[in-house]
Protein backbone atom coordinates (compact mmCIF):
# COMPACT_ATOMS: atom_id res chain seq x y z
CA MET A 1 -26.02 100.28 -26.68
CA ALA A 2 -23.46 97.49 -26.37
CA VAL A 3 -21.94 96.14 -23.21
CA ASP A 4 -18.55 94.59 -23.30
CA ILE A 5 -18.05 90.85 -22.18
CA LYS A 6 -14.52 90.85 -20.54
CA VAL A 7 -12.26 88.00 -19.17
CA PRO A 8 -12.69 88.37 -15.39
CA SER A 9 -9.30 88.19 -13.14
CA VAL A 10 -9.20 84.87 -11.36
CA GLY A 11 -6.03 85.36 -9.44
CA GLU A 12 -2.88 87.36 -9.04
CA SER A 13 -0.94 84.54 -10.81
CA VAL A 14 -3.08 84.30 -13.88
CA SER A 15 -2.81 86.61 -16.89
CA GLU A 16 -4.50 85.00 -19.52
CA GLY A 17 -7.05 81.99 -20.52
CA THR A 18 -8.47 80.20 -23.32
CA ILE A 19 -12.04 80.39 -24.67
CA SER A 20 -13.16 76.91 -23.86
CA ARG A 21 -16.82 77.21 -25.28
CA TRP A 22 -19.57 79.45 -25.90
CA LEU A 23 -22.61 78.51 -23.99
CA LYS A 24 -24.97 80.43 -26.14
CA PRO A 25 -24.69 80.91 -30.35
CA ASP A 26 -23.93 84.28 -31.63
CA GLY A 27 -26.98 86.34 -31.95
CA ALA A 28 -28.73 84.62 -29.33
CA ALA A 29 -31.01 86.31 -26.72
CA VAL A 30 -29.50 86.04 -23.10
CA ASN A 31 -30.70 87.50 -19.78
CA ALA A 32 -28.67 89.49 -17.43
CA ASN A 33 -26.26 87.26 -15.13
CA GLU A 34 -26.85 84.35 -17.52
CA PRO A 35 -23.86 82.23 -18.26
CA VAL A 36 -22.56 82.95 -21.89
CA VAL A 37 -18.90 81.70 -22.22
CA GLU A 38 -16.72 79.51 -20.29
CA ILE A 39 -13.11 80.58 -19.97
CA GLU A 40 -10.19 77.95 -18.85
CA THR A 41 -7.02 78.97 -17.38
CA ASP A 42 -4.17 76.82 -16.29
CA LYS A 43 -5.57 76.23 -13.05
CA ALA A 44 -9.46 76.27 -13.49
CA ALA A 45 -12.34 76.60 -15.74
CA SER A 46 -14.96 79.32 -15.03
CA GLU A 47 -18.24 80.78 -16.48
CA VAL A 48 -18.64 84.24 -17.33
CA MET A 49 -22.01 85.77 -16.93
CA ALA A 50 -23.74 88.23 -19.28
CA PRO A 51 -23.51 91.99 -17.97
CA ALA A 52 -26.98 92.79 -19.36
CA ALA A 53 -30.03 91.66 -21.21
CA GLY A 54 -29.77 91.45 -24.71
CA LYS A 55 -28.36 89.91 -27.96
CA LEU A 56 -25.01 88.37 -27.80
CA VAL A 57 -22.28 89.23 -30.13
CA ILE A 58 -19.53 86.95 -30.13
CA ALA A 59 -15.78 88.55 -30.89
CA VAL A 60 -13.38 85.79 -30.17
CA LYS A 61 -13.80 82.30 -31.28
CA GLU A 62 -13.43 79.08 -29.23
CA GLY A 63 -10.15 77.70 -28.54
CA GLU A 64 -8.29 81.24 -28.83
CA ARG A 65 -6.22 82.54 -26.04
CA VAL A 66 -7.20 85.85 -24.50
CA ALA A 67 -5.72 88.02 -21.74
CA VAL A 68 -7.27 89.01 -18.53
CA GLY A 69 -9.35 91.95 -19.14
CA ALA A 70 -9.77 91.38 -23.03
CA VAL A 71 -13.00 91.78 -24.64
CA VAL A 72 -14.29 88.58 -25.99
CA GLY A 73 -17.80 89.66 -26.98
CA LYS A 74 -20.60 92.27 -26.51
CA ILE A 75 -24.30 92.28 -25.27
CA ASP A 76 -26.76 94.49 -27.45
CA THR A 77 -28.83 95.75 -24.88
CA GLU A 78 -31.31 97.32 -27.56
CA ALA A 79 -32.17 93.88 -28.63
CA ALA A 80 -33.61 92.62 -25.27
CA PRO A 81 -34.52 88.82 -24.95
CA ALA A 82 -37.93 88.11 -25.96
CA GLU A 83 -38.63 86.38 -22.84
CA THR A 84 -38.16 89.69 -20.63
CA LYS A 85 -40.50 91.57 -23.34
CA ARG A 86 -43.35 88.75 -23.16
CA GLU A 87 -46.41 89.97 -21.36
CA PRO A 88 -48.61 87.32 -19.31
CA LYS A 89 -51.18 85.78 -21.33
CA PRO A 90 -54.67 86.18 -19.68
CA GLU A 91 -56.53 83.38 -18.78
CA PRO A 92 -59.39 82.50 -21.11
CA THR A 93 -63.11 83.01 -19.87
CA ALA A 94 -65.41 79.95 -19.65
CA ALA A 95 -67.10 81.22 -22.60
CA ALA A 96 -63.91 81.54 -24.83
CA LYS A 97 -62.92 77.90 -23.80
CA ARG A 98 -66.52 76.71 -24.81
CA ALA A 99 -65.98 78.42 -27.98
CA GLU A 100 -62.58 76.94 -28.79
CA PRO A 101 -62.61 74.14 -31.74
CA LYS A 102 -61.82 70.96 -30.39
CA PRO A 103 -59.62 68.34 -32.39
CA SER A 104 -61.28 66.24 -34.69
CA ALA A 105 -60.27 62.60 -35.34
CA ASN A 106 -59.04 63.53 -38.53
CA SER A 107 -57.07 66.49 -37.66
CA THR A 108 -53.34 66.46 -38.01
CA PRO A 109 -51.54 66.53 -34.58
CA ALA A 110 -49.12 69.51 -33.95
CA PRO A 111 -45.51 68.48 -34.38
CA PRO A 112 -43.71 67.82 -31.08
CA LYS A 113 -41.63 70.58 -29.93
CA PRO A 114 -37.93 69.89 -30.22
CA GLN A 115 -35.90 68.91 -27.22
CA PRO A 116 -33.15 71.23 -25.88
CA GLU A 117 -29.88 70.29 -26.46
CA PRO A 118 -28.45 68.63 -23.14
CA ALA A 119 -25.73 70.30 -21.24
CA LEU A 120 -22.06 69.10 -22.37
CA SER A 121 -19.10 69.41 -20.32
CA PRO A 122 -16.03 70.75 -22.51
CA ALA A 123 -14.36 67.56 -22.89
CA ALA A 124 -17.68 65.92 -23.64
CA ARG A 125 -18.23 68.57 -26.60
CA GLN A 126 -14.93 68.26 -28.01
CA ALA A 127 -15.19 64.35 -28.07
CA ALA A 128 -18.89 64.63 -29.56
CA ALA A 129 -17.42 67.03 -32.26
CA ASP A 130 -14.48 64.69 -33.09
CA ALA A 131 -16.80 61.88 -33.46
CA GLY A 132 -19.39 63.60 -35.50
CA VAL A 133 -22.11 62.92 -32.96
CA GLU A 134 -24.95 65.25 -32.27
CA PRO A 135 -25.59 66.35 -28.82
CA SER A 136 -29.30 65.56 -28.95
CA GLU A 137 -28.32 62.10 -29.56
CA LEU A 138 -26.49 61.80 -25.97
CA THR A 139 -27.89 60.90 -22.57
CA GLY A 140 -26.06 62.55 -19.73
CA THR A 141 -24.99 60.75 -16.59
CA GLY A 142 -23.16 63.51 -14.81
CA ARG A 143 -24.47 65.70 -12.12
CA GLY A 144 -27.72 67.28 -13.05
CA GLY A 145 -27.81 65.31 -16.16
CA ARG A 146 -24.78 66.75 -17.73
CA VAL A 147 -23.33 64.86 -20.67
CA ILE A 148 -19.76 63.74 -19.67
CA LYS A 149 -16.73 62.38 -21.86
CA GLU A 150 -17.44 58.87 -20.69
CA ASP A 151 -21.32 59.38 -22.27
CA VAL A 152 -19.75 59.99 -25.71
CA PHE A 153 -17.55 56.83 -25.56
CA THR A 154 -20.59 55.00 -24.22
CA PHE A 155 -22.58 56.10 -27.13
CA LEU A 156 -20.10 55.03 -29.77
CA GLU A 157 -19.50 51.84 -28.03
CA ALA A 158 -23.15 51.11 -28.49
CA HIS A 159 -23.25 52.33 -31.96
CA LYS A 160 -20.27 50.42 -33.58
CA PRO A 161 -20.41 49.53 -37.23
CA GLN A 162 -22.31 46.31 -37.40
CA ALA A 163 -19.55 44.78 -39.23
CA GLU A 164 -17.41 44.83 -35.99
CA THR A 165 -19.78 42.43 -34.38
CA ALA A 166 -21.72 40.50 -37.08
CA PRO A 167 -20.63 38.44 -40.22
CA PRO A 168 -20.80 40.36 -43.41
CA LYS A 169 -23.75 40.48 -45.73
CA THR A 170 -23.92 39.95 -49.21
CA GLU A 171 -26.37 42.48 -49.78
CA PRO A 172 -25.34 46.29 -49.73
CA ARG A 173 -26.35 48.23 -46.53
CA VAL A 174 -28.79 51.14 -46.92
CA THR A 175 -27.62 53.06 -43.78
CA GLU A 176 -23.92 54.03 -42.71
CA PRO A 177 -23.21 53.56 -39.14
CA PRO A 178 -21.97 56.86 -37.12
CA PRO A 179 -18.33 57.56 -37.99
CA PRO A 180 -15.75 56.59 -35.40
CA PRO A 181 -13.44 59.18 -33.75
CA PRO A 182 -11.29 60.76 -36.54
CA GLN A 183 -7.62 59.56 -36.64
CA ALA A 184 -4.79 60.88 -38.45
CA ASP A 185 -3.38 57.64 -40.13
CA GLY A 186 -5.62 54.86 -38.53
CA ARG A 187 -3.25 54.21 -35.83
CA GLU A 188 -3.04 57.27 -33.45
CA THR A 189 -5.00 60.34 -32.58
CA ARG A 190 -3.71 63.83 -31.52
CA VAL A 191 -5.47 66.12 -28.96
CA ARG A 192 -4.08 69.32 -27.81
CA MET A 193 -3.53 69.31 -23.94
CA SER A 194 -5.89 71.49 -22.04
CA PRO A 195 -4.25 74.59 -20.00
CA ILE A 196 -5.14 72.68 -16.94
CA ARG A 197 -3.53 69.46 -18.01
CA GLN A 198 -0.38 71.39 -19.12
CA ARG A 199 -0.14 73.05 -15.67
CA ILE A 200 -0.69 69.73 -13.93
CA ALA A 201 2.46 68.53 -16.03
CA GLU A 202 4.54 71.46 -15.26
CA ARG A 203 3.86 71.12 -11.39
CA LEU A 204 4.61 67.45 -11.20
CA ILE A 205 8.01 67.94 -13.08
CA GLN A 206 8.76 70.90 -10.86
CA ALA A 207 8.01 68.73 -7.71
CA GLN A 208 10.40 65.82 -9.01
CA GLN A 209 13.22 68.32 -9.89
CA ASN A 210 13.11 70.56 -6.76
CA ALA A 211 12.33 68.31 -4.01
CA ALA A 212 14.01 65.18 -2.49
CA ILE A 213 11.10 63.11 -2.41
CA LEU A 214 10.91 60.14 -0.08
CA THR A 215 7.93 57.90 0.49
CA THR A 216 7.33 55.71 3.70
CA PHE A 217 4.63 53.03 4.13
CA ASN A 218 2.25 51.55 6.91
CA GLU A 219 -0.77 50.11 7.10
CA ALA A 220 -4.03 50.70 9.11
CA ASP A 221 -6.85 48.27 10.38
CA LEU A 222 -9.96 50.19 9.83
CA SER A 223 -12.35 47.75 11.74
CA ALA A 224 -13.10 50.32 14.33
CA VAL A 225 -13.92 53.17 11.67
CA MET A 226 -16.10 50.97 9.76
CA ALA A 227 -17.93 49.83 12.99
CA LEU A 228 -18.28 53.48 13.81
CA ARG A 229 -19.71 54.25 10.51
CA ALA A 230 -22.11 51.24 10.37
CA LYS A 231 -23.77 52.29 13.81
CA TYR A 232 -23.85 55.98 13.13
CA LYS A 233 -24.06 56.49 9.12
CA GLU A 234 -27.91 56.47 9.18
CA PRO A 235 -28.44 59.05 12.18
CA PHE A 236 -25.33 61.18 10.87
CA GLN A 237 -27.16 61.43 7.29
CA LYS A 238 -30.40 62.56 8.78
CA LYS A 239 -29.16 65.18 11.10
CA HIS A 240 -26.61 66.72 9.09
CA GLY A 241 -27.92 65.98 5.54
CA VAL A 242 -24.47 64.64 4.63
CA GLY A 243 -22.94 61.07 4.39
CA LEU A 244 -20.50 60.15 6.92
CA GLY A 245 -17.50 59.01 4.78
CA PHE A 246 -13.75 57.84 5.48
CA ILE A 247 -12.23 60.91 4.46
CA GLY A 248 -13.53 62.82 7.50
CA PHE A 249 -11.72 60.69 9.75
CA PHE A 250 -8.35 60.96 7.92
CA VAL A 251 -8.57 64.77 7.87
CA LYS A 252 -9.00 64.73 11.66
CA ALA A 253 -6.04 62.14 12.26
CA VAL A 254 -3.88 64.25 9.64
CA VAL A 255 -4.50 67.39 11.70
CA GLU A 256 -3.75 65.74 14.96
CA ALA A 257 -0.49 64.48 13.38
CA LEU A 258 0.60 67.63 12.06
CA ARG A 259 0.10 69.29 15.64
CA ALA A 260 2.49 66.75 16.80
CA PHE A 261 4.91 66.98 14.03
CA PRO A 262 4.88 70.71 12.72
CA ALA A 263 7.79 70.38 10.09
CA VAL A 264 5.48 68.20 8.01
CA ASN A 265 2.97 71.18 7.94
CA ALA A 266 6.05 73.58 6.92
CA ARG A 267 7.52 74.81 3.51
CA ILE A 268 10.79 75.83 2.38
CA ASP A 269 10.90 79.48 0.96
CA GLY A 270 14.46 80.12 -0.28
CA ALA A 271 16.95 79.61 2.66
CA GLU A 272 13.98 79.64 5.13
CA ILE A 273 11.63 77.21 6.69
CA VAL A 274 7.95 78.59 7.21
CA TYR A 275 6.31 76.84 9.95
CA GLN A 276 2.52 77.21 9.27
CA ASN A 277 0.23 77.40 12.24
CA PHE A 278 -2.95 76.85 10.39
CA TYR A 279 -4.02 73.57 8.76
CA ASP A 280 -5.48 74.25 5.29
CA ILE A 281 -5.87 70.56 3.99
CA GLY A 282 -6.10 69.80 0.18
CA VAL A 283 -8.15 66.76 -0.84
CA ALA A 284 -7.26 65.63 -4.30
CA VAL A 285 -10.53 65.19 -6.86
CA SER A 286 -10.59 63.61 -10.06
CA THR A 287 -12.34 65.40 -12.78
CA GLU A 288 -12.50 65.10 -16.58
CA LYS A 289 -9.82 67.95 -16.94
CA GLY A 290 -7.42 66.10 -14.45
CA LEU A 291 -6.68 65.96 -10.91
CA LEU A 292 -7.58 68.97 -9.11
CA VAL A 293 -6.81 69.75 -5.41
CA PRO A 294 -9.54 72.05 -3.57
CA VAL A 295 -8.41 73.16 -0.34
CA LEU A 296 -10.38 72.77 3.20
CA ARG A 297 -9.67 75.84 5.07
CA ASP A 298 -8.90 75.72 8.90
CA ALA A 299 -9.56 71.90 8.98
CA ASP A 300 -8.77 71.94 12.55
CA LYS A 301 -11.59 74.12 13.68
CA LEU A 302 -14.12 71.92 11.67
CA SER A 303 -16.38 69.25 13.05
CA PHE A 304 -16.92 65.79 11.12
CA ALA A 305 -20.15 67.30 9.63
CA GLN A 306 -18.42 70.33 8.45
CA ILE A 307 -15.65 68.49 6.84
CA GLU A 308 -17.91 66.05 5.04
CA LYS A 309 -20.08 68.90 3.98
CA GLY A 310 -16.97 70.95 2.75
CA ILE A 311 -15.25 68.18 0.85
CA ALA A 312 -18.63 67.29 -0.86
CA GLU A 313 -19.12 70.91 -2.02
CA LEU A 314 -15.56 71.47 -3.20
CA ALA A 315 -15.74 68.09 -5.16
CA ALA A 316 -19.28 69.29 -6.82
CA LYS A 317 -17.62 72.39 -7.77
CA ALA A 318 -14.59 70.76 -9.13
CA ARG A 319 -16.64 68.31 -11.30
CA ASP A 320 -18.95 71.07 -12.59
CA ASN A 321 -16.37 73.35 -13.63
CA LYS A 322 -17.17 75.80 -10.94
CA ILE A 323 -14.03 75.77 -8.94
CA THR A 324 -12.12 78.86 -8.40
CA VAL A 325 -8.17 79.70 -8.04
CA GLN A 326 -8.97 80.70 -4.61
CA ASP A 327 -10.51 77.18 -4.10
CA LEU A 328 -7.20 75.66 -5.27
CA SER A 329 -4.58 78.07 -3.70
CA GLY A 330 -2.85 78.02 -0.22
CA GLY A 331 -3.12 74.40 1.03
CA THR A 332 -0.46 73.16 3.69
CA PHE A 333 -1.08 69.50 3.40
CA THR A 334 -2.68 67.31 0.73
CA ILE A 335 -4.72 63.99 1.16
CA THR A 336 -5.24 61.85 -2.10
CA ASN A 337 -7.18 58.71 -2.44
CA GLY A 338 -6.39 56.35 -5.15
CA GLY A 339 -8.25 53.54 -3.22
CA VAL A 340 -11.51 54.99 -4.95
CA PHE A 341 -10.36 53.64 -8.27
CA GLY A 342 -9.02 50.11 -6.58
CA SER A 343 -5.28 51.34 -6.22
CA LEU A 344 -3.69 48.95 -3.47
CA LEU A 345 -0.47 51.07 -3.17
CA SER A 346 1.22 53.86 -4.58
CA THR A 347 3.70 56.92 -4.00
CA PRO A 348 1.89 59.98 -4.32
CA ILE A 349 3.90 63.12 -5.55
CA LEU A 350 4.13 66.42 -3.67
CA ASN A 351 2.06 69.28 -4.41
CA PRO A 352 4.36 72.17 -4.27
CA PRO A 353 5.30 74.14 -2.24
CA GLN A 354 3.67 71.53 0.38
CA SER A 355 6.23 69.30 1.92
CA ALA A 356 4.12 66.37 2.25
CA ILE A 357 1.39 64.34 1.03
CA LEU A 358 -0.67 61.38 2.34
CA GLY A 359 -1.97 58.53 0.17
CA MET A 360 -5.04 56.34 0.92
CA HIS A 361 -5.75 53.23 -0.83
CA ALA A 362 -8.27 50.43 -1.20
CA ILE A 363 -9.68 48.88 1.70
CA GLN A 364 -8.88 45.03 1.49
CA LYS A 365 -9.69 42.22 3.91
CA ARG A 366 -6.46 40.36 4.66
CA PRO A 367 -5.09 37.96 7.32
CA VAL A 368 -3.17 39.74 9.97
CA ALA A 369 -1.66 38.54 13.27
CA LEU A 370 -3.48 40.15 16.51
CA ASN A 371 -2.65 38.84 20.17
CA ASP A 372 -0.74 35.88 18.52
CA GLN A 373 -3.78 34.87 16.69
CA VAL A 374 -4.55 35.06 12.54
CA VAL A 375 -7.53 37.23 12.07
CA VAL A 376 -8.99 38.85 8.95
CA ARG A 377 -9.21 42.49 9.21
CA PRO A 378 -10.10 45.46 6.82
CA MET A 379 -6.81 46.52 6.00
CA MET A 380 -5.62 49.97 4.16
CA TYR A 381 -2.09 50.86 3.29
CA LEU A 382 -0.86 54.39 3.82
CA ALA A 383 1.84 56.12 1.96
CA LEU A 384 3.55 59.41 2.91
CA SER A 385 5.48 61.09 0.35
CA TYR A 386 7.62 64.06 1.95
CA ASP A 387 10.42 66.40 1.19
CA HIS A 388 13.61 64.92 2.78
CA ARG A 389 15.35 68.38 2.59
CA MET A 390 13.38 69.53 5.71
CA ILE A 391 11.62 66.47 7.00
CA ASP A 392 13.75 63.73 8.39
CA GLY A 393 12.91 59.97 8.36
CA ARG A 394 12.15 59.90 11.98
CA GLU A 395 9.54 62.66 11.52
CA ALA A 396 7.87 61.03 8.56
CA VAL A 397 7.63 57.76 10.18
CA SER A 398 6.16 58.92 13.46
CA PHE A 399 3.78 61.26 11.61
CA LEU A 400 2.30 58.37 9.75
CA VAL A 401 2.22 56.03 12.89
CA ARG A 402 0.28 58.88 14.34
CA VAL A 403 -2.22 58.94 11.79
CA LYS A 404 -2.48 55.06 11.74
CA GLU A 405 -3.02 55.23 15.67
CA CYS A 406 -5.85 57.85 15.12
CA VAL A 407 -7.56 56.26 12.66
CA GLU A 408 -7.36 52.59 14.46
CA SER A 409 -8.58 54.30 17.52
CA PRO A 410 -11.01 56.87 16.35
CA GLU A 411 -12.18 57.73 19.89
CA ARG A 412 -8.68 59.70 19.89
CA LEU A 413 -10.01 61.86 17.22
CA ILE A 414 -12.95 63.04 19.56
CA LEU A 415 -10.98 63.12 22.72
CA GLU A 416 -8.08 64.77 20.87
CA VAL A 417 -5.41 62.44 22.74
């Protein structure tokens, strides 16, 4: 009996996807609910589980487009995996143990067991294939030992041809270095955009064309937040099992500012303005596939610990390709932090249909005037990009000032004043 492997529905707006990679080879034995194929849509990548135990029969090759509900493979249930049929081996008796032959000094040792192939992200698998690198040669630095694209580049950098780093030798070389990544003409390499990257490009162009985007700037003194984190970071970690970062303070500050200026939390729908009386905050996460924005639901009802845990879980899902369309849908406002990459100042682009986005940046110690004295403080530039069709400059500036006040006096976030 054969059981179909079908492309699951991941959202109303998603009608097709691409077979990113098969996690098991054709004919492999698989167990029920074991991931067998990764399907990438224009919003997220998801793994499809085996509907039953048996032998995998692949029907659609990697890289092909498939519609939701299409059959991409089958499970032959009459060929159950060997591990499910294996009976437990009885423990040998003491007499049997004594009777077992002991290896002599001249005996040939058993060959070592082959090491399992490390788990590769889709981008890393493509990069390794392009460079002709065997996955078994790679060491993963991603979550859970997963090999990411940067690990492939690190391997290639460490195995550059010797001629690049040493003077040429007169004797012919016996071994050849690993081949470099293929290039069409030696000057450029063409790689097809992933569905997610294409979708990101479409949305960015849509935001630029359909909204009147302006950006206003301010700066915040993070001395109080840093002192609070330094004092309570360890007890917070011990009690809640999660680190006390900066993002929790900004999520709280944004919610307070959105309450004070509801137009910033609204969106335009045709000729109507839709005021949203809930606070679903998107937090941008950088992944190998591009920038994803998972959404923290009802952030106004969450504690600092719940915010930090929620963001950590969503970020892990995004980087491990476990993110779903539901995780990415329905945000009312977005926070993006270019400061983690060293950005000092930038103008973030709206995440449609939202009307505003807050950009955080690197914390930098700078001299500032305080009470007629020049002091050095840890400062962060803040940027608010907004849709001027519905948010006036006064509201945008006042919103950003409110965020600044909250992070400079974090007790406001606790007392909600």
